[in-house]
Amino acid sequence: MVDFKELWRYKDLLYFLTLRGIKARYAQSILGVSWAIIQPLFTTVVFTLVFGGLAKVDSDGMPYILFSYLALWPWNYFSGTLTESANSLIQNANMITKVYFPRMVLPLSAILSKMLDFTIAFVVVIFMLIYFKQLPGWGVLFTPLLILQLLLCSLGIGMFLSALAVKYRDVKHALTFLVQLLLYAAPVVYSTSAVPAEYQKFYILNPMVGVIEGFRAAFLNRPMPWEWIWPGTIVAVVVFVFGMFYFRRMERIFADVA
C-alpha cells in the first residue's frame, strides 16, 4: 500500500525537486518561461494553417485557432508530463542508489513542475478570448474538476511508465511515437462530432476526450459535455490507482536495475 504519511513527511524534498525541475528546464535560456507560451502558440498556428485552412476540418462553428489552442493547452501538459515522469527515475538513478526516500516523489515532482507551463499558457487563452470577444460560461467553475482529472490521468500513466522505463529502456524510445499516436486519439485537431457514432462508446473511455471537450465548453460558453467527461473520469481514477500500485510493486527493484 502507498504510505501517504511518508509522502507528506518528504514534502520538502518534493518541493525542492519540483523547483529544481523548473530551473533546469529554463536554465541558460534566453526566452526563459516564454517558451511555455511560444511552443503551444506556434503549434496552434501550424494546426490552423494545415487542418483549419487546407484540410477544412470542422471546428464546431468557432475560430479554428481558438478551437485548437483550447485543446493544445491541456494536451501539452499531458504529453509533457508523460515524457518528464517516464524519465524521472532514470535521470535520478544516483539518488535512488545512494539514499532512501519515497520513490514516488520523483514522478510526482516531474508532473508538478509542468504546472508552471500550464499556468503560463493560460495567459494566451485570456488574450484569445478578449480578441474574439468570447465570454466563458458557468462551466468554467468546473475547470478545477477537469484539471484534477488531467492530473490523475497524467500521474497514473506517468508512474506506470517511470516504473516500466527502469526495467525496460525501450520505453524511452517508444514514448515519442506513443505521444504522437495519442495526439490523434484525442480531439485536438478535430471535433468529437467527427467520430462515427458506432465508435463513440469506446472513444469516450479516453480521459483526455472529456478534459479537452470540457475545456472548450467551459471557455466558449457551451453546455458541459458530461456524457464525455464522466466515463473519462472513471477511467482516469482506475489508471491512477493501477499506476500507483504498479509503481509500488516495482519500487523494491529500482535500486538494483537503475
C-alpha atoms as a PDB file:
ATOM      1  CA  MET A   1       0.000   0.000   0.000  1.00  0.00           C
ATOM      2  CA  VAL A   2       1.037   3.596  -0.536  1.00  0.00           C
ATOM      3  CA  ASP A   3       2.183   5.351   2.640  1.00  0.00           C
ATOM      4  CA  PHE A   4       0.742   8.836   2.187  1.00  0.00           C
ATOM      5  CA  LYS A   5       2.012   9.918   5.615  1.00  0.00           C
ATOM      6  CA  GLU A   6       5.534   9.151   4.497  1.00  0.00           C
ATOM      7  CA  LEU A   7       4.997  11.164   1.324  1.00  0.00           C
ATOM      8  CA  TRP A   8       3.847  14.089   3.448  1.00  0.00           C
ATOM      9  CA  ARG A   9       6.987  13.846   5.604  1.00  0.00           C
ATOM     10  CA  TYR A  10       9.068  14.241   2.467  1.00  0.00           C
ATOM     11  CA  LYS A  11       7.110  17.255   1.200  1.00  0.00           C
ATOM     12  CA  ASP A  12      10.238  19.435   1.434  1.00  0.00           C
ATOM     13  CA  LEU A  13      12.081  17.091  -0.910  1.00  0.00           C
ATOM     14  CA  LEU A  14       9.104  17.166  -3.275  1.00  0.00           C
ATOM     15  CA  TYR A  15       9.200  20.972  -3.224  1.00  0.00           C
ATOM     16  CA  PHE A  16      12.952  21.030  -3.873  1.00  0.00           C
ATOM     17  CA  LEU A  17      12.774  18.560  -6.781  1.00  0.00           C
ATOM     18  CA  THR A  18       9.827  20.428  -8.325  1.00  0.00           C
ATOM     19  CA  LEU A  19      11.732  23.709  -8.114  1.00  0.00           C
ATOM     20  CA  ARG A  20      14.860  22.061  -9.491  1.00  0.00           C
ATOM     21  CA  GLY A  21      12.891  20.715 -12.445  1.00  0.00           C
ATOM     22  CA  ILE A  22      11.566  24.181 -13.272  1.00  0.00           C
ATOM     23  CA  LYS A  23      15.009  25.786 -13.036  1.00  0.00           C
ATOM     24  CA  ALA A  24      16.679  23.040 -15.073  1.00  0.00           C
ATOM     25  CA  ARG A  25      14.128  23.394 -17.864  1.00  0.00           C
ATOM     26  CA  TYR A  26      14.836  27.077 -18.394  1.00  0.00           C
ATOM     27  CA  ALA A  27      18.494  27.257 -17.340  1.00  0.00           C
ATOM     28  CA  GLN A  28      20.662  29.261 -19.774  1.00  0.00           C
ATOM     29  CA  SER A  29      17.584  30.023 -21.872  1.00  0.00           C
ATOM     30  CA  ILE A  30      17.250  33.487 -23.407  1.00  0.00           C
ATOM     31  CA  LEU A  31      13.460  33.403 -23.597  1.00  0.00           C
ATOM     32  CA  GLY A  32      13.022  31.505 -20.317  1.00  0.00           C
ATOM     33  CA  VAL A  33       9.433  30.739 -19.361  1.00  0.00           C
ATOM     34  CA  SER A  34       8.247  32.409 -22.571  1.00  0.00           C
ATOM     35  CA  TRP A  35       8.698  29.000 -24.204  1.00  0.00           C
ATOM     36  CA  ALA A  36       5.600  27.882 -22.289  1.00  0.00           C
ATOM     37  CA  ILE A  37       3.659  30.325 -24.496  1.00  0.00           C
ATOM     38  CA  ILE A  38       5.663  30.131 -27.719  1.00  0.00           C
ATOM     39  CA  GLN A  39       5.552  26.351 -28.150  1.00  0.00           C
ATOM     40  CA  PRO A  40       1.763  25.789 -27.946  1.00  0.00           C
ATOM     41  CA  LEU A  41       1.063  29.042 -29.806  1.00  0.00           C
ATOM     42  CA  PHE A  42       3.238  28.131 -32.798  1.00  0.00           C
ATOM     43  CA  THR A  43       1.838  24.600 -32.834  1.00  0.00           C
ATOM     44  CA  THR A  44      -1.657  26.100 -32.866  1.00  0.00           C
ATOM     45  CA  VAL A  45      -0.757  28.338 -35.818  1.00  0.00           C
ATOM     46  CA  VAL A  46       0.562  25.327 -37.765  1.00  0.00           C
ATOM     47  CA  PHE A  47      -2.561  23.293 -36.965  1.00  0.00           C
ATOM     48  CA  THR A  48      -4.731  26.231 -38.012  1.00  0.00           C
ATOM     49  CA  LEU A  49      -2.973  26.552 -41.379  1.00  0.00           C
ATOM     50  CA  VAL A  50      -2.889  22.808 -42.112  1.00  0.00           C
ATOM     51  CA  PHE A  51      -6.099  21.439 -40.606  1.00  0.00           C
ATOM     52  CA  GLY A  52      -8.230  24.571 -40.425  1.00  0.00           C
ATOM     53  CA  GLY A  53      -7.068  26.152 -43.689  1.00  0.00           C
ATOM     54  CA  LEU A  54      -6.019  23.366 -46.073  1.00  0.00           C
ATOM     55  CA  ALA A  55      -7.934  20.343 -44.742  1.00  0.00           C
ATOM     56  CA  LYS A  56     -11.004  22.417 -43.738  1.00  0.00           C
ATOM     57  CA  VAL A  57     -11.544  20.420 -40.555  1.00  0.00           C
ATOM     58  CA  ASP A  58     -14.826  21.307 -38.844  1.00  0.00           C
ATOM     59  CA  SER A  59     -14.345  23.343 -35.660  1.00  0.00           C
ATOM     60  CA  ASP A  60     -17.974  23.348 -34.482  1.00  0.00           C
ATOM     61  CA  GLY A  61     -18.540  26.905 -35.677  1.00  0.00           C
ATOM     62  CA  MET A  62     -15.740  28.517 -33.658  1.00  0.00           C
ATOM     63  CA  PRO A  63     -12.473  30.072 -34.913  1.00  0.00           C
ATOM     64  CA  TYR A  64     -10.100  27.189 -35.527  1.00  0.00           C
ATOM     65  CA  ILE A  65      -7.170  28.852 -33.786  1.00  0.00           C
ATOM     66  CA  LEU A  66      -9.216  29.151 -30.588  1.00  0.00           C
ATOM     67  CA  PHE A  67     -10.661  25.676 -31.085  1.00  0.00           C
ATOM     68  CA  SER A  68      -7.213  24.066 -31.363  1.00  0.00           C
ATOM     69  CA  TYR A  69      -5.462  26.108 -28.656  1.00  0.00           C
ATOM     70  CA  LEU A  70      -8.060  25.204 -26.023  1.00  0.00           C
ATOM     71  CA  ALA A  71      -7.240  21.572 -26.827  1.00  0.00           C
ATOM     72  CA  LEU A  72      -3.469  22.003 -27.007  1.00  0.00           C
ATOM     73  CA  TRP A  73      -3.425  23.785 -23.657  1.00  0.00           C
ATOM     74  CA  PRO A  74      -4.274  20.661 -21.579  1.00  0.00           C
ATOM     75  CA  TRP A  75      -2.785  18.297 -24.152  1.00  0.00           C
ATOM     76  CA  ASN A  76       0.696  19.846 -23.978  1.00  0.00           C
ATOM     77  CA  TYR A  77       0.632  19.433 -20.221  1.00  0.00           C
ATOM     78  CA  PHE A  78      -0.415  15.790 -20.530  1.00  0.00           C
ATOM     79  CA  SER A  79       2.180  14.901 -23.173  1.00  0.00           C
ATOM     80  CA  GLY A  80       4.909  16.835 -21.360  1.00  0.00           C
ATOM     81  CA  THR A  81       4.259  15.052 -18.073  1.00  0.00           C
ATOM     82  CA  LEU A  82       4.462  11.650 -19.756  1.00  0.00           C
ATOM     83  CA  THR A  83       7.961  12.422 -21.021  1.00  0.00           C
ATOM     84  CA  GLU A  84       9.158  14.067 -17.807  1.00  0.00           C
ATOM     85  CA  SER A  85       7.770  11.440 -15.436  1.00  0.00           C
ATOM     86  CA  ALA A  86       8.819   8.450 -17.569  1.00  0.00           C
ATOM     87  CA  ASN A  87      12.451   9.589 -17.420  1.00  0.00           C
ATOM     88  CA  SER A  88      12.366  10.819 -13.818  1.00  0.00           C
ATOM     89  CA  LEU A  89      13.707   7.630 -12.228  1.00  0.00           C
ATOM     90  CA  ILE A  90      16.455   7.077 -14.797  1.00  0.00           C
ATOM     91  CA  GLN A  91      17.637  10.681 -14.584  1.00  0.00           C
ATOM     92  CA  ASN A  92      17.848  10.427 -10.795  1.00  0.00           C
ATOM     93  CA  ALA A  93      19.443   6.973 -10.634  1.00  0.00           C
ATOM     94  CA  ASN A  94      22.267   8.271  -8.401  1.00  0.00           C
ATOM     95  CA  MET A  95      19.785   9.397  -5.781  1.00  0.00           C
ATOM     96  CA  ILE A  96      17.922   6.093  -5.864  1.00  0.00           C
ATOM     97  CA  THR A  97      21.037   4.004  -5.298  1.00  0.00           C
ATOM     98  CA  LYS A  98      22.542   6.167  -2.539  1.00  0.00           C
ATOM     99  CA  VAL A  99      19.770   7.411  -0.274  1.00  0.00           C
ATOM    100  CA  TYR A 100      16.295   6.345   0.791  1.00  0.00           C
ATOM    101  CA  PHE A 101      13.198   8.424   0.122  1.00  0.00           C
ATOM    102  CA  PRO A 102       9.746   7.618  -1.274  1.00  0.00           C
ATOM    103  CA  ARG A 103      10.460   6.971  -4.950  1.00  0.00           C
ATOM    104  CA  MET A 104       7.025   8.267  -5.856  1.00  0.00           C
ATOM    105  CA  VAL A 105       8.348  11.753  -5.148  1.00  0.00           C
ATOM    106  CA  LEU A 106      10.268  11.695  -8.451  1.00  0.00           C
ATOM    107  CA  PRO A 107       7.389  11.264 -10.964  1.00  0.00           C
ATOM    108  CA  LEU A 108       5.214  13.462  -8.754  1.00  0.00           C
ATOM    109  CA  SER A 109       7.748  16.306  -8.836  1.00  0.00           C
ATOM    110  CA  ALA A 110       8.065  15.971 -12.618  1.00  0.00           C
ATOM    111  CA  ILE A 111       4.319  16.366 -13.002  1.00  0.00           C
ATOM    112  CA  LEU A 112       4.061  19.283 -10.583  1.00  0.00           C
ATOM    113  CA  SER A 113       6.905  21.162 -12.265  1.00  0.00           C
ATOM    114  CA  LYS A 114       4.953  21.173 -15.535  1.00  0.00           C
ATOM    115  CA  MET A 115       2.081  23.000 -13.831  1.00  0.00           C
ATOM    116  CA  LEU A 116       4.022  26.247 -14.261  1.00  0.00           C
ATOM    117  CA  ASP A 117       3.910  25.851 -18.043  1.00  0.00           C
ATOM    118  CA  PHE A 118       0.216  25.031 -17.849  1.00  0.00           C
ATOM    119  CA  THR A 119      -0.479  28.173 -15.807  1.00  0.00           C
ATOM    120  CA  ILE A 120       1.595  30.448 -18.058  1.00  0.00           C
ATOM    121  CA  ALA A 121      -0.113  29.093 -21.184  1.00  0.00           C
ATOM    122  CA  PHE A 122      -3.417  30.254 -19.704  1.00  0.00           C
ATOM    123  CA  VAL A 123      -2.334  33.833 -20.471  1.00  0.00           C
ATOM    124  CA  VAL A 124      -2.789  33.135 -24.187  1.00  0.00           C
ATOM    125  CA  VAL A 125      -6.292  31.801 -23.520  1.00  0.00           C
ATOM    126  CA  ILE A 126      -7.229  35.115 -21.878  1.00  0.00           C
ATOM    127  CA  PHE A 127      -5.920  37.173 -24.816  1.00  0.00           C
ATOM    128  CA  MET A 128      -7.681  34.941 -27.345  1.00  0.00           C
ATOM    129  CA  LEU A 129     -10.999  35.210 -25.512  1.00  0.00           C
ATOM    130  CA  ILE A 130     -10.646  39.014 -25.454  1.00  0.00           C
ATOM    131  CA  TYR A 131      -9.667  39.160 -29.137  1.00  0.00           C
ATOM    132  CA  PHE A 132     -12.600  37.005 -30.269  1.00  0.00           C
ATOM    133  CA  LYS A 133     -14.946  38.712 -27.757  1.00  0.00           C
ATOM    134  CA  GLN A 134     -15.831  35.405 -26.150  1.00  0.00           C
ATOM    135  CA  LEU A 135     -17.008  35.238 -22.554  1.00  0.00           C
ATOM    136  CA  PRO A 136     -16.609  31.982 -20.598  1.00  0.00           C
ATOM    137  CA  GLY A 137     -19.798  30.356 -19.329  1.00  0.00           C
ATOM    138  CA  TRP A 138     -20.730  28.972 -15.933  1.00  0.00           C
ATOM    139  CA  GLY A 139     -18.971  25.803 -16.939  1.00  0.00           C
ATOM    140  CA  VAL A 140     -15.658  27.500 -16.113  1.00  0.00           C
ATOM    141  CA  LEU A 141     -16.468  26.787 -12.451  1.00  0.00           C
ATOM    142  CA  PHE A 142     -15.905  23.094 -13.219  1.00  0.00           C
ATOM    143  CA  THR A 143     -12.383  23.742 -14.541  1.00  0.00           C
ATOM    144  CA  PRO A 144     -10.743  22.529 -11.267  1.00  0.00           C
ATOM    145  CA  LEU A 145     -12.506  19.173 -11.715  1.00  0.00           C
ATOM    146  CA  LEU A 146     -11.166  18.925 -15.263  1.00  0.00           C
ATOM    147  CA  ILE A 147      -7.662  19.769 -14.032  1.00  0.00           C
ATOM    148  CA  LEU A 148      -7.992  17.104 -11.332  1.00  0.00           C
ATOM    149  CA  GLN A 149      -8.967  14.534 -13.964  1.00  0.00           C
ATOM    150  CA  LEU A 150      -5.996  15.669 -16.058  1.00  0.00           C
ATOM    151  CA  LEU A 151      -3.658  15.260 -13.068  1.00  0.00           C
ATOM    152  CA  LEU A 152      -4.975  11.801 -12.162  1.00  0.00           C
ATOM    153  CA  CYS A 153      -4.576  10.553 -15.720  1.00  0.00           C
ATOM    154  CA  SER A 154      -1.113  12.110 -16.116  1.00  0.00           C
ATOM    155  CA  LEU A 155       0.152  10.828 -12.770  1.00  0.00           C
ATOM    156  CA  GLY A 156      -1.274   7.343 -13.261  1.00  0.00           C
ATOM    157  CA  ILE A 157       0.306   6.836 -16.675  1.00  0.00           C
ATOM    158  CA  GLY A 158       3.451   8.679 -15.565  1.00  0.00           C
ATOM    159  CA  MET A 159       4.036   6.382 -12.589  1.00  0.00           C
ATOM    160  CA  PHE A 160       3.418   3.300 -14.722  1.00  0.00           C
ATOM    161  CA  LEU A 161       5.825   4.432 -17.460  1.00  0.00           C
ATOM    162  CA  SER A 162       8.514   5.554 -14.998  1.00  0.00           C
ATOM    163  CA  ALA A 163       8.485   2.163 -13.267  1.00  0.00           C
ATOM    164  CA  LEU A 164       8.467   0.380 -16.615  1.00  0.00           C
ATOM    165  CA  ALA A 165      11.313   2.517 -18.006  1.00  0.00           C
ATOM    166  CA  VAL A 166      13.666   1.492 -15.204  1.00  0.00           C
ATOM    167  CA  LYS A 167      13.470  -2.160 -16.238  1.00  0.00           C
ATOM    168  CA  TYR A 168      12.892  -1.691 -19.967  1.00  0.00           C
ATOM    169  CA  ARG A 169      14.841   1.183 -21.540  1.00  0.00           C
ATOM    170  CA  ASP A 170      12.817   0.746 -24.749  1.00  0.00           C
ATOM    171  CA  VAL A 171      10.107   2.842 -23.111  1.00  0.00           C
ATOM    172  CA  LYS A 172      12.214   5.963 -23.571  1.00  0.00           C
ATOM    173  CA  HIS A 173      12.493   5.384 -27.332  1.00  0.00           C
ATOM    174  CA  ALA A 174       8.873   4.336 -27.790  1.00  0.00           C
ATOM    175  CA  LEU A 175       7.497   7.287 -25.847  1.00  0.00           C
ATOM    176  CA  THR A 176       7.907   9.814 -28.675  1.00  0.00           C
ATOM    177  CA  PHE A 177       5.913   7.597 -31.027  1.00  0.00           C
ATOM    178  CA  LEU A 178       3.311   6.910 -28.330  1.00  0.00           C
ATOM    179  CA  VAL A 179       2.721  10.613 -27.626  1.00  0.00           C
ATOM    180  CA  GLN A 180       2.260  11.351 -31.340  1.00  0.00           C
ATOM    181  CA  LEU A 181      -0.182   8.466 -31.632  1.00  0.00           C
ATOM    182  CA  LEU A 182      -2.172   9.609 -28.595  1.00  0.00           C
ATOM    183  CA  LEU A 183      -2.418  13.125 -30.069  1.00  0.00           C
ATOM    184  CA  TYR A 184      -4.670  11.846 -32.853  1.00  0.00           C
ATOM    185  CA  ALA A 185      -6.600   9.630 -30.445  1.00  0.00           C
ATOM    186  CA  ALA A 186      -7.851  12.799 -28.716  1.00  0.00           C
ATOM    187  CA  PRO A 187      -9.977  15.600 -30.225  1.00  0.00           C
ATOM    188  CA  VAL A 188      -7.104  18.078 -30.558  1.00  0.00           C
ATOM    189  CA  VAL A 189      -7.216  18.818 -34.289  1.00  0.00           C
ATOM    190  CA  TYR A 190     -10.800  17.661 -34.857  1.00  0.00           C
ATOM    191  CA  SER A 191     -14.118  17.713 -33.043  1.00  0.00           C
ATOM    192  CA  THR A 192     -15.675  14.745 -31.267  1.00  0.00           C
ATOM    193  CA  SER A 193     -18.654  15.130 -33.597  1.00  0.00           C
ATOM    194  CA  ALA A 194     -16.396  13.846 -36.389  1.00  0.00           C
ATOM    195  CA  VAL A 195     -16.084  10.453 -34.663  1.00  0.00           C
ATOM    196  CA  PRO A 196     -18.611   7.918 -36.056  1.00  0.00           C
ATOM    197  CA  ALA A 197     -21.418   7.143 -33.621  1.00  0.00           C
ATOM    198  CA  GLU A 198     -20.626   3.415 -33.503  1.00  0.00           C
ATOM    199  CA  TYR A 199     -17.121   4.147 -32.178  1.00  0.00           C
ATOM    200  CA  GLN A 200     -18.017   6.828 -29.655  1.00  0.00           C
ATOM    201  CA  LYS A 201     -18.834   4.363 -26.864  1.00  0.00           C
ATOM    202  CA  PHE A 202     -15.165   3.334 -26.953  1.00  0.00           C
ATOM    203  CA  TYR A 203     -13.842   6.787 -27.762  1.00  0.00           C
ATOM    204  CA  ILE A 204     -15.255   8.356 -24.594  1.00  0.00           C
ATOM    205  CA  LEU A 205     -13.147   5.985 -22.475  1.00  0.00           C
ATOM    206  CA  ASN A 206     -10.138   8.152 -23.360  1.00  0.00           C
ATOM    207  CA  PRO A 207      -9.879  10.522 -20.336  1.00  0.00           C
ATOM    208  CA  MET A 208      -8.409  13.307 -22.480  1.00  0.00           C
ATOM    209  CA  VAL A 209     -11.563  13.433 -24.601  1.00  0.00           C
ATOM    210  CA  GLY A 210     -13.665  14.656 -21.683  1.00  0.00           C
ATOM    211  CA  VAL A 211     -10.903  17.016 -20.495  1.00  0.00           C
ATOM    212  CA  ILE A 212     -10.444  18.697 -23.877  1.00  0.00           C
ATOM    213  CA  GLU A 213     -14.150  18.969 -24.670  1.00  0.00           C
ATOM    214  CA  GLY A 214     -14.740  20.193 -21.128  1.00  0.00           C
ATOM    215  CA  PHE A 215     -12.188  22.994 -21.521  1.00  0.00           C
ATOM    216  CA  ARG A 216     -13.721  24.023 -24.824  1.00  0.00           C
ATOM    217  CA  ALA A 217     -17.227  24.080 -23.383  1.00  0.00           C
ATOM    218  CA  ALA A 218     -16.151  25.954 -20.243  1.00  0.00           C
ATOM    219  CA  PHE A 219     -14.364  28.790 -22.039  1.00  0.00           C
ATOM    220  CA  LEU A 220     -16.659  29.026 -25.051  1.00  0.00           C
ATOM    221  CA  ASN A 221     -19.894  29.234 -23.022  1.00  0.00           C
ATOM    222  CA  ARG A 222     -21.315  25.917 -24.193  1.00  0.00           C
ATOM    223  CA  PRO A 223     -23.113  23.162 -22.261  1.00  0.00           C
ATOM    224  CA  MET A 224     -20.684  20.952 -20.366  1.00  0.00           C
ATOM    225  CA  PRO A 225     -20.385  17.580 -22.161  1.00  0.00           C
ATOM    226  CA  TRP A 226     -20.880  15.397 -19.093  1.00  0.00           C
ATOM    227  CA  GLU A 227     -21.553  12.392 -21.313  1.00  0.00           C
ATOM    228  CA  TRP A 228     -17.907  12.737 -22.420  1.00  0.00           C
ATOM    229  CA  ILE A 229     -16.482  13.723 -19.033  1.00  0.00           C
ATOM    230  CA  TRP A 230     -17.775  11.166 -16.504  1.00  0.00           C
ATOM    231  CA  PRO A 231     -16.658   7.985 -18.377  1.00  0.00           C
ATOM    232  CA  GLY A 232     -13.184   9.516 -18.744  1.00  0.00           C
ATOM    233  CA  THR A 233     -13.175  10.412 -15.048  1.00  0.00           C
ATOM    234  CA  ILE A 234     -13.800   6.790 -14.076  1.00  0.00           C
ATOM    235  CA  VAL A 235     -11.026   5.602 -16.394  1.00  0.00           C
ATOM    236  CA  ALA A 236      -8.647   8.291 -15.038  1.00  0.00           C
ATOM    237  CA  VAL A 237      -9.249   7.096 -11.455  1.00  0.00           C
ATOM    238  CA  VAL A 238      -8.684   3.468 -12.488  1.00  0.00           C
ATOM    239  CA  VAL A 239      -5.491   4.417 -14.358  1.00  0.00           C
ATOM    240  CA  PHE A 240      -4.254   6.398 -11.353  1.00  0.00           C
ATOM    241  CA  VAL A 241      -4.859   3.549  -8.896  1.00  0.00           C
ATOM    242  CA  PHE A 242      -3.312   0.972 -11.244  1.00  0.00           C
ATOM    243  CA  GLY A 243      -0.263   3.152 -11.922  1.00  0.00           C
ATOM    244  CA  MET A 244       0.210   3.820  -8.203  1.00  0.00           C
ATOM    245  CA  PHE A 245       0.088   0.151  -7.181  1.00  0.00           C
ATOM    246  CA  TYR A 246       2.250  -0.948 -10.101  1.00  0.00           C
ATOM    247  CA  PHE A 247       4.829   1.663  -9.096  1.00  0.00           C
ATOM    248  CA  ARG A 248       4.801   0.401  -5.510  1.00  0.00           C
ATOM    249  CA  ARG A 249       5.164  -3.195  -6.648  1.00  0.00           C
ATOM    250  CA  MET A 250       8.198  -2.379  -8.803  1.00  0.00           C
ATOM    251  CA  GLU A 251       9.737   0.033  -6.290  1.00  0.00           C
ATOM    252  CA  ARG A 252      11.778  -2.621  -4.491  1.00  0.00           C
ATOM    253  CA  ILE A 253      13.872  -3.365  -7.608  1.00  0.00           C
ATOM    254  CA  PHE A 254      14.583   0.251  -8.620  1.00  0.00           C
ATOM    255  CA  ALA A 255      17.937   0.430  -6.827  1.00  0.00           C
ATOM    256  CA  ASP A 256      19.046  -2.865  -8.405  1.00  0.00           C
ATOM    257  CA  VAL A 257      18.376  -2.007 -12.041  1.00  0.00           C
ATOM    258  CA  ALA A 258      18.539   1.820 -12.126  1.00  0.00           C
END
